[in-house]
PDB file of N, CA and C in Angstrom:
ATOM      1  N   UNK A   1      86.321 185.194-167.819  1.00  0.00           N
ATOM      2  CA  UNK A   1      85.334 185.698-167.623  1.00  0.00           C
ATOM      3  C   UNK A   1      84.415 184.560-168.168  1.00  0.00           C
ATOM      4  N   UNK A   2      83.271 184.345-167.018  1.00  0.00           N
ATOM      5  CA  UNK A   2      82.400 183.377-167.631  1.00  0.00           C
ATOM      6  C   UNK A   2      81.602 184.132-168.647  1.00  0.00           C
ATOM      7  N   UNK A   3      80.984 183.445-169.260  1.00  0.00           N
ATOM      8  CA  UNK A   3      79.778 183.657-170.174  1.00  0.00           C
ATOM      9  C   UNK A   3      78.825 184.187-169.651  1.00  0.00           C
ATOM     10  N   UNK A   4      78.450 183.741-168.340  1.00  0.00           N
ATOM     11  CA  UNK A   4      77.021 183.758-168.048  1.00  0.00           C
ATOM     12  C   UNK A   4      77.089 184.509-166.713  1.00  0.00           C
ATOM     13  N   UNK A   5      76.143 184.956-166.226  1.00  0.00           N
ATOM     14  CA  UNK A   5      75.817 185.223-164.779  1.00  0.00           C
ATOM     15  C   UNK A   5      74.789 184.125-163.942  1.00  0.00           C
ATOM     16  N   UNK A   6      75.155 183.981-162.495  1.00  0.00           N
ATOM     17  CA  UNK A   6      73.962 183.196-161.615  1.00  0.00           C
ATOM     18  C   UNK A   6      72.934 184.307-161.488  1.00  0.00           C
ATOM     19  N   UNK A   7      71.939 183.895-161.132  1.00  0.00           N
ATOM     20  CA  UNK A   7      71.111 184.405-160.407  1.00  0.00           C
ATOM     21  C   UNK A   7      71.190 185.636-159.347  1.00  0.00           C
ATOM     22  N   UNK A   8      72.078 184.862-158.225  1.00  0.00           N
ATOM     23  CA  UNK A   8      72.633 185.541-157.245  1.00  0.00           C
ATOM     24  C   UNK A   8      73.232 187.029-158.261  1.00  0.00           C
ATOM     25  N   UNK A   9      74.099 186.832-159.042  1.00  0.00           N
ATOM     26  CA  UNK A   9      75.267 187.802-159.509  1.00  0.00           C
ATOM     27  C   UNK A   9      73.986 188.707-160.162  1.00  0.00           C
ATOM     28  N   UNK A  10      72.791 188.356-160.971  1.00  0.00           N
ATOM     29  CA  UNK A  10      72.350 189.336-161.694  1.00  0.00           C
ATOM     30  C   UNK A  10      71.386 190.058-160.943  1.00  0.00           C
ATOM     31  N   UNK A  11      71.061 189.562-159.687  1.00  0.00           N
ATOM     32  CA  UNK A  11      70.245 190.104-158.404  1.00  0.00           C
ATOM     33  C   UNK A  11      71.429 191.348-157.786  1.00  0.00           C
ATOM     34  N   UNK A  12      72.402 190.982-157.288  1.00  0.00           N
ATOM     35  CA  UNK A  12      73.382 192.424-157.017  1.00  0.00           C
ATOM     36  C   UNK A  12      73.581 193.149-158.196  1.00  0.00           C
ATOM     37  N   UNK A  13      73.907 192.933-159.238  1.00  0.00           N
ATOM     38  CA  UNK A  13      73.789 194.063-160.231  1.00  0.00           C
ATOM     39  C   UNK A  13      72.508 194.544-160.702  1.00  0.00           C
ATOM     40  N   UNK A  14      71.473 194.043-160.188  1.00  0.00           N
ATOM     41  CA  UNK A  14      70.224 195.036-160.616  1.00  0.00           C
ATOM     42  C   UNK A  14      69.879 195.422-159.234  1.00  0.00           C
ATOM     43  N   UNK A  15      70.450 195.075-158.207  1.00  0.00           N
ATOM     44  CA  UNK A  15      69.761 195.800-157.068  1.00  0.00           C
ATOM     45  C   UNK A  15      68.745 195.126-156.825  1.00  0.00           C
ATOM     46  N   UNK A  16      68.422 194.096-156.815  1.00  0.00           N
ATOM     47  CA  UNK A  16      67.153 193.405-156.267  1.00  0.00           C
ATOM     48  C   UNK A  16      67.302 192.073-155.375  1.00  0.00           C
ATOM     49  N   UNK A  17      66.273 191.434-155.145  1.00  0.00           N
ATOM     50  CA  UNK A  17      66.609 190.391-154.155  1.00  0.00           C
ATOM     51  C   UNK A  17      66.857 189.295-155.287  1.00  0.00           C
ATOM     52  N   UNK A  18      67.619 187.887-154.728  1.00  0.00           N
ATOM     53  CA  UNK A  18      67.800 186.667-155.451  1.00  0.00           C
ATOM     54  C   UNK A  18      66.101 186.242-155.561  1.00  0.00           C
ATOM     55  N   UNK A  19      65.622 186.305-154.580  1.00  0.00           N
ATOM     56  CA  UNK A  19      64.350 186.029-154.656  1.00  0.00           C
ATOM     57  C   UNK A  19      63.299 186.709-155.804  1.00  0.00           C
ATOM     58  N   UNK A  20      63.542 187.938-156.094  1.00  0.00           N
ATOM     59  CA  UNK A  20      62.676 188.509-157.208  1.00  0.00           C
ATOM     60  C   UNK A  20      63.269 188.087-158.431  1.00  0.00           C
ATOM     61  N   UNK A  21      64.383 188.026-158.609  1.00  0.00           N
ATOM     62  CA  UNK A  21      65.089 187.359-159.837  1.00  0.00           C
ATOM     63  C   UNK A  21      64.496 185.559-160.219  1.00  0.00           C
ATOM     64  N   UNK A  22      64.714 184.886-159.398  1.00  0.00           N
ATOM     65  CA  UNK A  22      63.924 183.587-159.164  1.00  0.00           C
ATOM     66  C   UNK A  22      62.433 183.688-159.779  1.00  0.00           C
ATOM     67  N   UNK A  23      61.606 184.510-158.728  1.00  0.00           N
ATOM     68  CA  UNK A  23      60.441 184.801-158.947  1.00  0.00           C
ATOM     69  C   UNK A  23      59.790 185.152-160.468  1.00  0.00           C
ATOM     70  N   UNK A  24      60.699 186.263-161.137  1.00  0.00           N
ATOM     71  CA  UNK A  24      60.671 186.484-162.317  1.00  0.00           C
ATOM     72  C   UNK A  24      60.608 185.684-163.484  1.00  0.00           C
ATOM     73  N   UNK A  25      61.587 184.453-162.991  1.00  0.00           N
ATOM     74  CA  UNK A  25      61.792 183.266-163.943  1.00  0.00           C
ATOM     75  C   UNK A  25      60.819 182.603-163.958  1.00  0.00           C
ATOM     76  N   UNK A  26      60.391 182.135-162.776  1.00  0.00           N
ATOM     77  CA  UNK A  26      59.188 181.560-162.614  1.00  0.00           C
ATOM     78  C   UNK A  26      57.853 181.593-163.334  1.00  0.00           C
ATOM     79  N   UNK A  27      57.692 183.250-163.198  1.00  0.00           N
ATOM     80  CA  UNK A  27      56.425 183.831-163.983  1.00  0.00           C
ATOM     81  C   UNK A  27      56.325 184.204-165.259  1.00  0.00           C
ATOM     82  N   UNK A  28      57.875 183.915-165.828  1.00  0.00           N
ATOM     83  CA  UNK A  28      57.980 183.797-167.064  1.00  0.00           C
ATOM     84  C   UNK A  28      57.763 185.592-167.252  1.00  0.00           C
ATOM     85  N   UNK A  29      58.691 186.468-166.168  1.00  0.00           N
ATOM     86  CA  UNK A  29      58.401 187.916-166.535  1.00  0.00           C
ATOM     87  C   UNK A  29      59.843 188.194-166.321  1.00  0.00           C
ATOM     88  N   UNK A  30      60.724 187.459-166.606  1.00  0.00           N
ATOM     89  CA  UNK A  30      62.270 188.006-166.239  1.00  0.00           C
ATOM     90  C   UNK A  30      62.358 189.225-167.155  1.00  0.00           C
ATOM     91  N   UNK A  31      62.896 190.368-166.817  1.00  0.00           N
ATOM     92  CA  UNK A  31      63.661 191.185-168.099  1.00  0.00           C
ATOM     93  C   UNK A  31      64.903 190.808-168.629  1.00  0.00           C
ATOM     94  N   UNK A  32      65.106 189.613-167.870  1.00  0.00           N
ATOM     95  CA  UNK A  32      66.549 189.265-168.568  1.00  0.00           C
ATOM     96  C   UNK A  32      66.415 187.784-169.125  1.00  0.00           C
ATOM     97  N   UNK A  33      67.097 187.843-170.456  1.00  0.00           N
ATOM     98  CA  UNK A  33      66.953 186.341-171.198  1.00  0.00           C
ATOM     99  C   UNK A  33      67.670 185.701-170.340  1.00  0.00           C
ATOM    100  N   UNK A  34      67.281 184.272-170.349  1.00  0.00           N
ATOM    101  CA  UNK A  34      67.917 183.510-169.505  1.00  0.00           C
ATOM    102  C   UNK A  34      68.009 181.768-169.882  1.00  0.00           C
ATOM    103  N   UNK A  35      68.702 181.081-169.242  1.00  0.00           N
ATOM    104  CA  UNK A  35      68.815 179.511-170.056  1.00  0.00           C
ATOM    105  C   UNK A  35      68.752 178.427-168.939  1.00  0.00           C
ATOM    106  N   UNK A  36      68.131 177.055-169.207  1.00  0.00           N
ATOM    107  CA  UNK A  36      67.861 176.606-167.988  1.00  0.00           C
ATOM    108  C   UNK A  36      68.961 175.655-168.615  1.00  0.00           C
ATOM    109  N   UNK A  37      69.732 174.941-167.442  1.00  0.00           N
ATOM    110  CA  UNK A  37      70.534 173.817-167.921  1.00  0.00           C
ATOM    111  C   UNK A  37      70.012 172.774-166.827  1.00  0.00           C
ATOM    112  N   UNK A  38      69.106 171.977-166.818  1.00  0.00           N
ATOM    113  CA  UNK A  38      69.045 171.115-165.978  1.00  0.00           C
ATOM    114  C   UNK A  38      68.400 171.862-165.002  1.00  0.00           C
ATOM    115  N   UNK A  39      69.028 171.893-163.609  1.00  0.00           N
ATOM    116  CA  UNK A  39      68.031 172.864-162.575  1.00  0.00           C
ATOM    117  C   UNK A  39      68.694 173.821-162.846  1.00  0.00           C
ATOM    118  N   UNK A  40      69.826 174.541-162.565  1.00  0.00           N
ATOM    119  CA  UNK A  40      70.292 175.739-163.103  1.00  0.00           C
ATOM    120  C   UNK A  40      69.604 176.347-163.811  1.00  0.00           C
ATOM    121  N   UNK A  41      69.689 177.736-163.587  1.00  0.00           N
ATOM    122  CA  UNK A  41      69.466 178.784-164.506  1.00  0.00           C
ATOM    123  C   UNK A  41      70.302 180.077-164.523  1.00  0.00           C
ATOM    124  N   UNK A  42      70.825 179.987-165.724  1.00  0.00           N
ATOM    125  CA  UNK A  42      71.702 181.032-166.102  1.00  0.00           C
ATOM    126  C   UNK A  42      71.145 182.195-166.815  1.00  0.00           C
ATOM    127  N   UNK A  43      72.279 183.240-166.677  1.00  0.00           N
ATOM    128  CA  UNK A  43      72.070 184.915-167.794  1.00  0.00           C
ATOM    129  C   UNK A  43      73.021 185.007-168.271  1.00  0.00           C
ATOM    130  N   UNK A  44      72.923 184.813-169.922  1.00  0.00           N
ATOM    131  CA  UNK A  44      74.314 185.182-170.769  1.00  0.00           C
ATOM    132  C   UNK A  44      74.645 186.802-170.313  1.00  0.00           C
ATOM    133  N   UNK A  45      75.892 186.674-169.959  1.00  0.00           N
ATOM    134  CA  UNK A  45      76.469 188.105-169.447  1.00  0.00           C
ATOM    135  C   UNK A  45      76.288 189.120-170.588  1.00  0.00           C
ATOM    136  N   UNK A  46      76.277 188.905-171.884  1.00  0.00           N
ATOM    137  CA  UNK A  46      76.095 189.811-172.896  1.00  0.00           C
ATOM    138  C   UNK A  46      74.984 190.840-172.809  1.00  0.00           C
ATOM    139  N   UNK A  47      73.786 190.100-172.502  1.00  0.00           N
ATOM    140  CA  UNK A  47      72.596 190.262-172.387  1.00  0.00           C
ATOM    141  C   UNK A  47      71.935 191.171-171.260  1.00  0.00           C
ATOM    142  N   UNK A  48      72.454 190.692-170.080  1.00  0.00           N
ATOM    143  CA  UNK A  48      72.158 191.540-168.850  1.00  0.00           C
ATOM    144  C   UNK A  48      73.256 192.682-168.978  1.00  0.00           C
ATOM    145  N   UNK A  49      74.381 192.542-169.263  1.00  0.00           N
ATOM    146  CA  UNK A  49      75.306 193.887-169.295  1.00  0.00           C
ATOM    147  C   UNK A  49      74.748 194.752-170.524  1.00  0.00           C
ATOM    148  N   UNK A  50      74.044 194.432-171.179  1.00  0.00           N
ATOM    149  CA  UNK A  50      73.199 195.215-172.366  1.00  0.00           C
ATOM    150  C   UNK A  50      72.125 196.084-171.746  1.00  0.00           C
ATOM    151  N   UNK A  51      71.309 195.243-171.100  1.00  0.00           N
ATOM    152  CA  UNK A  51      70.178 195.719-170.514  1.00  0.00           C
ATOM    153  C   UNK A  51      70.405 196.374-169.545  1.00  0.00           C
ATOM    154  N   UNK A  52      71.455 196.158-168.501  1.00  0.00           N
ATOM    155  CA  UNK A  52      71.737 197.126-167.493  1.00  0.00           C
ATOM    156  C   UNK A  52      72.747 198.094-167.957  1.00  0.00           C
ATOM    157  N   UNK A  53      73.204 198.398-169.111  1.00  0.00           N
ATOM    158  CA  UNK A  53      74.027 199.464-169.715  1.00  0.00           C
ATOM    159  C   UNK A  53      75.495 199.257-168.970  1.00  0.00           C
ATOM    160  N   UNK A  54      75.992 198.318-169.206  1.00  0.00           N
ATOM    161  CA  UNK A  54      77.557 197.765-168.393  1.00  0.00           C
ATOM    162  C   UNK A  54      78.145 197.779-169.279  1.00  0.00           C
ATOM    163  N   UNK A  55      79.446 198.141-169.320  1.00  0.00           N
ATOM    164  CA  UNK A  55      80.286 198.078-170.396  1.00  0.00           C
ATOM    165  C   UNK A  55      81.763 197.616-170.032  1.00  0.00           C
ATOM    166  N   UNK A  56      82.032 197.876-168.906  1.00  0.00           N
ATOM    167  CA  UNK A  56      83.420 197.545-168.321  1.00  0.00           C
ATOM    168  C   UNK A  56      83.402 195.979-167.899  1.00  0.00           C
ATOM    169  N   UNK A  57      84.303 195.608-167.847  1.00  0.00           N
ATOM    170  CA  UNK A  57      84.459 194.074-166.576  1.00  0.00           C
ATOM    171  C   UNK A  57      83.804 194.247-165.389  1.00  0.00           C
ATOM    172  N   UNK A  58      82.983 193.620-165.025  1.00  0.00           N
ATOM    173  CA  UNK A  58      82.430 193.279-163.802  1.00  0.00           C
ATOM    174  C   UNK A  58      83.183 192.344-162.712  1.00  0.00           C
ATOM    175  N   UNK A  59      84.214 191.624-163.215  1.00  0.00           N
ATOM    176  CA  UNK A  59      85.108 190.720-162.200  1.00  0.00           C
ATOM    177  C   UNK A  59      85.189 191.330-160.850  1.00  0.00           C
ATOM    178  N   UNK A  60      85.736 192.567-160.489  1.00  0.00           N
ATOM    179  CA  UNK A  60      85.526 193.115-159.306  1.00  0.00           C
ATOM    180  C   UNK A  60      84.752 193.792-158.702  1.00  0.00           C
ATOM    181  N   UNK A  61      83.233 193.847-159.278  1.00  0.00           N
ATOM    182  CA  UNK A  61      82.095 194.165-158.564  1.00  0.00           C
ATOM    183  C   UNK A  61      81.234 192.984-158.233  1.00  0.00           C
ATOM    184  N   UNK A  62      81.528 191.841-158.716  1.00  0.00           N
ATOM    185  CA  UNK A  62      80.681 190.634-158.682  1.00  0.00           C
ATOM    186  C   UNK A  62      81.608 189.372-158.413  1.00  0.00           C
ATOM    187  N   UNK A  63      81.338 188.620-157.201  1.00  0.00           N
ATOM    188  CA  UNK A  63      81.872 187.898-156.264  1.00  0.00           C
ATOM    189  C   UNK A  63      81.300 186.478-157.272  1.00  0.00           C
ATOM    190  N   UNK A  64      82.066 185.447-157.838  1.00  0.00           N
ATOM    191  CA  UNK A  64      81.607 184.154-158.426  1.00  0.00           C
ATOM    192  C   UNK A  64      81.705 183.117-157.261  1.00  0.00           C
TER     193      UNK A  64
END
């Protein structure tokens, strides 16, 4: 299991568009902590899971 989610995965879990996730990052209003790695933006899995109240493995629900 990866330690991070992509913006696409976070959008799917949160029920919003990928555009909304990127826009919230751009305006520094993201409810999810994120890390920039070069041009990539990733979201620590533990933080996203905690914020969304997810406790179980999400490998079946989120395609990588």
